[in-house]
Amino acid sequence: MSDIKMKSYRPFITENFFWDFPTHFNLKEVSEFLGMEIDPTTKYISNTAKTIMRNDGIYWFIQRKHHGEIVALISLSDVDLTKKNSALMVTFKDLTVAEKQEISQRLLVFLKDQIYLDTIEINQLDRIIQENFTNNGYNVANNNLLKRS
């Protein structure tokens, strides 16, 4: 059993972005980013908090430091720290290639060097992120897995 606690991984701050758990954002802004009404958004935020506290996953909304707008959601679910695997979903909204690379690099450090994942299940992962992972020790297997070589 690992002593890694998902709730410890917040906030992350990169050059241009602030990463934090969904509970730390304005409900209306989260609702708009997700394209959902307030009630389902509230339920979503509550469920992400429960998942993080159970140590089964982690969710971050990413906002621009200087504008405050939410520009990305990263969801790491079905985390198994013993088997070193998880599922990953990344959603971007209006980001440049350089901005995606900044987020991707911090995400890679987290998954590879902080929680030591060897296998990551993906579903339509952004090309920038996938390239960053494959250039840094992961290979794509069966079109839906990143496996550390």
Protein backbone atom coordinates (compact mmCIF):
# COMPACT_ATOMS: atom_id res chain seq x y z
CA MET A 1 0.00 0.00 0.00
CA SER A 2 1.33 3.39 -0.96
CA ASP A 3 1.50 6.33 1.41
CA ILE A 4 0.77 8.77 -1.42
CA LYS A 5 -2.32 10.92 -0.70
CA MET A 6 -4.02 12.53 -3.68
CA LYS A 7 -5.41 15.33 -1.50
CA SER A 8 -1.82 16.53 -1.00
CA TYR A 9 -1.37 17.44 -4.66
CA ARG A 10 -2.84 20.91 -4.75
CA PRO A 11 -2.41 23.57 -5.73
CA PHE A 12 0.05 23.30 -8.56
CA ILE A 13 1.35 26.55 -9.96
CA THR A 14 3.15 26.78 -13.26
CA GLU A 15 4.37 29.82 -15.13
CA ASN A 16 0.96 30.73 -16.54
CA PHE A 17 -1.52 28.51 -14.71
CA PHE A 18 -3.01 27.71 -11.34
CA TRP A 19 -4.23 24.09 -10.81
CA ASP A 20 -6.64 23.28 -8.02
CA PHE A 21 -9.43 20.92 -7.03
CA PRO A 22 -12.96 21.61 -8.33
CA THR A 23 -14.13 22.57 -4.81
CA HIS A 24 -11.90 25.65 -4.92
CA PHE A 25 -13.57 27.23 -7.93
CA ASN A 26 -16.66 29.34 -8.40
CA LEU A 27 -19.67 27.10 -9.07
CA LYS A 28 -20.94 29.27 -11.93
CA GLU A 29 -17.55 29.24 -13.70
CA VAL A 30 -17.25 25.45 -13.32
CA SER A 31 -20.80 25.03 -14.62
CA GLU A 32 -20.00 27.15 -17.67
CA PHE A 33 -16.75 25.29 -18.38
CA LEU A 34 -18.47 21.90 -18.10
CA GLY A 35 -21.54 23.06 -20.05
CA MET A 36 -23.82 21.76 -17.30
CA GLU A 37 -26.60 23.22 -15.18
CA ILE A 38 -25.84 24.16 -11.55
CA ASP A 39 -27.38 21.04 -9.92
CA PRO A 40 -25.38 18.46 -11.94
CA THR A 41 -22.28 20.64 -11.56
CA THR A 42 -22.72 20.63 -7.78
CA LYS A 43 -23.07 16.84 -7.82
CA TYR A 44 -19.97 16.54 -10.06
CA ILE A 45 -17.89 18.69 -7.69
CA SER A 46 -19.10 16.69 -4.69
CA ASN A 47 -18.22 13.40 -6.40
CA THR A 48 -14.73 14.63 -7.33
CA ALA A 49 -14.11 15.60 -3.70
CA LYS A 50 -15.20 12.15 -2.51
CA THR A 51 -12.96 10.46 -5.09
CA ILE A 52 -9.96 12.52 -4.00
CA MET A 53 -10.60 11.84 -0.30
CA ARG A 54 -10.90 8.07 -0.98
CA ASN A 55 -7.55 8.33 -2.81
CA ASP A 56 -9.16 6.82 -5.93
CA GLY A 57 -8.35 9.73 -8.23
CA ILE A 58 -7.63 13.40 -8.59
CA TYR A 59 -9.28 16.24 -10.50
CA TRP A 60 -7.90 19.67 -11.25
CA PHE A 61 -9.38 22.64 -12.97
CA ILE A 62 -6.68 24.78 -14.47
CA GLN A 63 -7.10 28.53 -14.74
CA ARG A 64 -4.98 31.25 -16.22
CA LYS A 65 -3.12 33.12 -13.50
CA HIS A 66 -3.78 36.60 -14.82
CA HIS A 67 -7.28 36.21 -16.26
CA GLY A 68 -8.85 33.74 -13.87
CA GLU A 69 -10.70 31.82 -16.57
CA ILE A 70 -10.85 28.03 -16.38
CA VAL A 71 -9.09 26.63 -19.44
CA ALA A 72 -8.62 22.94 -18.69
CA LEU A 73 -9.80 19.96 -16.68
CA ILE A 74 -7.55 17.05 -15.81
CA SER A 75 -9.16 13.91 -14.46
CA LEU A 76 -7.18 10.97 -13.16
CA SER A 77 -9.56 8.17 -12.19
CA ASP A 78 -9.40 4.54 -11.10
CA VAL A 79 -5.99 5.18 -9.55
CA ASP A 80 -4.25 2.05 -8.31
CA LEU A 81 -0.96 3.08 -6.74
CA THR A 82 0.00 -0.52 -5.99
CA LYS A 83 -0.34 -1.61 -9.63
CA LYS A 84 0.85 1.85 -10.77
CA ASN A 85 -1.99 2.48 -13.20
CA SER A 86 -4.85 4.89 -13.78
CA ALA A 87 -7.14 6.39 -16.42
CA LEU A 88 -6.47 9.91 -17.68
CA MET A 89 -8.72 12.46 -19.34
CA VAL A 90 -7.66 15.98 -20.29
CA THR A 91 -10.03 18.64 -21.61
CA PHE A 92 -8.64 21.90 -23.01
CA LYS A 93 -10.49 25.08 -23.93
CA ASP A 94 -8.84 27.59 -26.28
CA LEU A 95 -5.18 26.95 -25.48
CA THR A 96 -2.12 27.50 -27.63
CA VAL A 97 0.39 24.74 -28.33
CA ALA A 98 2.85 26.38 -25.89
CA GLU A 99 0.20 26.49 -23.15
CA LYS A 100 -0.71 22.84 -23.73
CA GLN A 101 2.98 21.96 -23.52
CA GLU A 102 3.34 23.79 -20.20
CA ILE A 103 0.40 21.86 -18.74
CA SER A 104 1.58 18.61 -20.30
CA GLN A 105 5.06 18.94 -18.83
CA ARG A 106 3.73 19.46 -15.28
CA LEU A 107 1.29 16.58 -15.73
CA LEU A 108 4.11 14.30 -16.90
CA VAL A 109 6.19 15.15 -13.83
CA PHE A 110 3.23 14.37 -11.59
CA LEU A 111 2.35 11.03 -13.19
CA LYS A 112 5.87 9.78 -13.84
CA ASP A 113 7.98 11.23 -11.02
CA GLN A 114 5.54 11.92 -8.17
CA ILE A 115 3.02 9.06 -8.21
CA TYR A 116 5.08 6.72 -10.42
CA LEU A 117 2.44 5.47 -12.86
CA ASP A 118 3.59 2.83 -15.34
CA THR A 119 0.30 2.36 -17.23
CA ILE A 120 -2.16 5.11 -18.12
CA GLU A 121 -5.43 4.39 -19.89
CA ILE A 122 -6.27 7.17 -22.32
CA ASN A 123 -9.19 8.08 -24.54
CA GLN A 124 -8.54 10.60 -27.30
CA LEU A 125 -5.65 12.28 -25.52
CA ASP A 126 -4.56 15.60 -27.00
CA ARG A 127 -1.71 15.15 -29.48
CA ILE A 128 0.58 17.55 -27.56
CA ILE A 129 0.21 15.58 -24.33
CA GLN A 130 0.56 12.21 -26.02
CA GLU A 131 3.74 13.35 -27.81
CA ASN A 132 5.19 14.69 -24.56
CA PHE A 133 4.59 11.35 -22.85
CA THR A 134 5.96 9.28 -25.75
CA ASN A 135 9.05 11.51 -25.90
CA ASN A 136 9.62 10.96 -22.16
CA GLY A 137 9.55 7.24 -21.53
CA TYR A 138 6.02 6.06 -22.37
CA ASN A 139 4.88 4.03 -25.38
CA VAL A 140 1.38 3.80 -26.83
CA ALA A 141 -0.09 0.29 -26.65
CA ASN A 142 -3.41 -0.82 -28.16
CA ASN A 143 -4.23 2.83 -29.04
CA ASN A 144 -5.59 3.43 -25.54
CA LEU A 145 -2.70 2.81 -23.13
CA LEU A 146 0.47 4.68 -22.33
CA LYS A 147 3.00 2.26 -20.88
CA ARG A 148 6.29 3.29 -19.35
CA SER A 149 9.18 1.61 -21.12
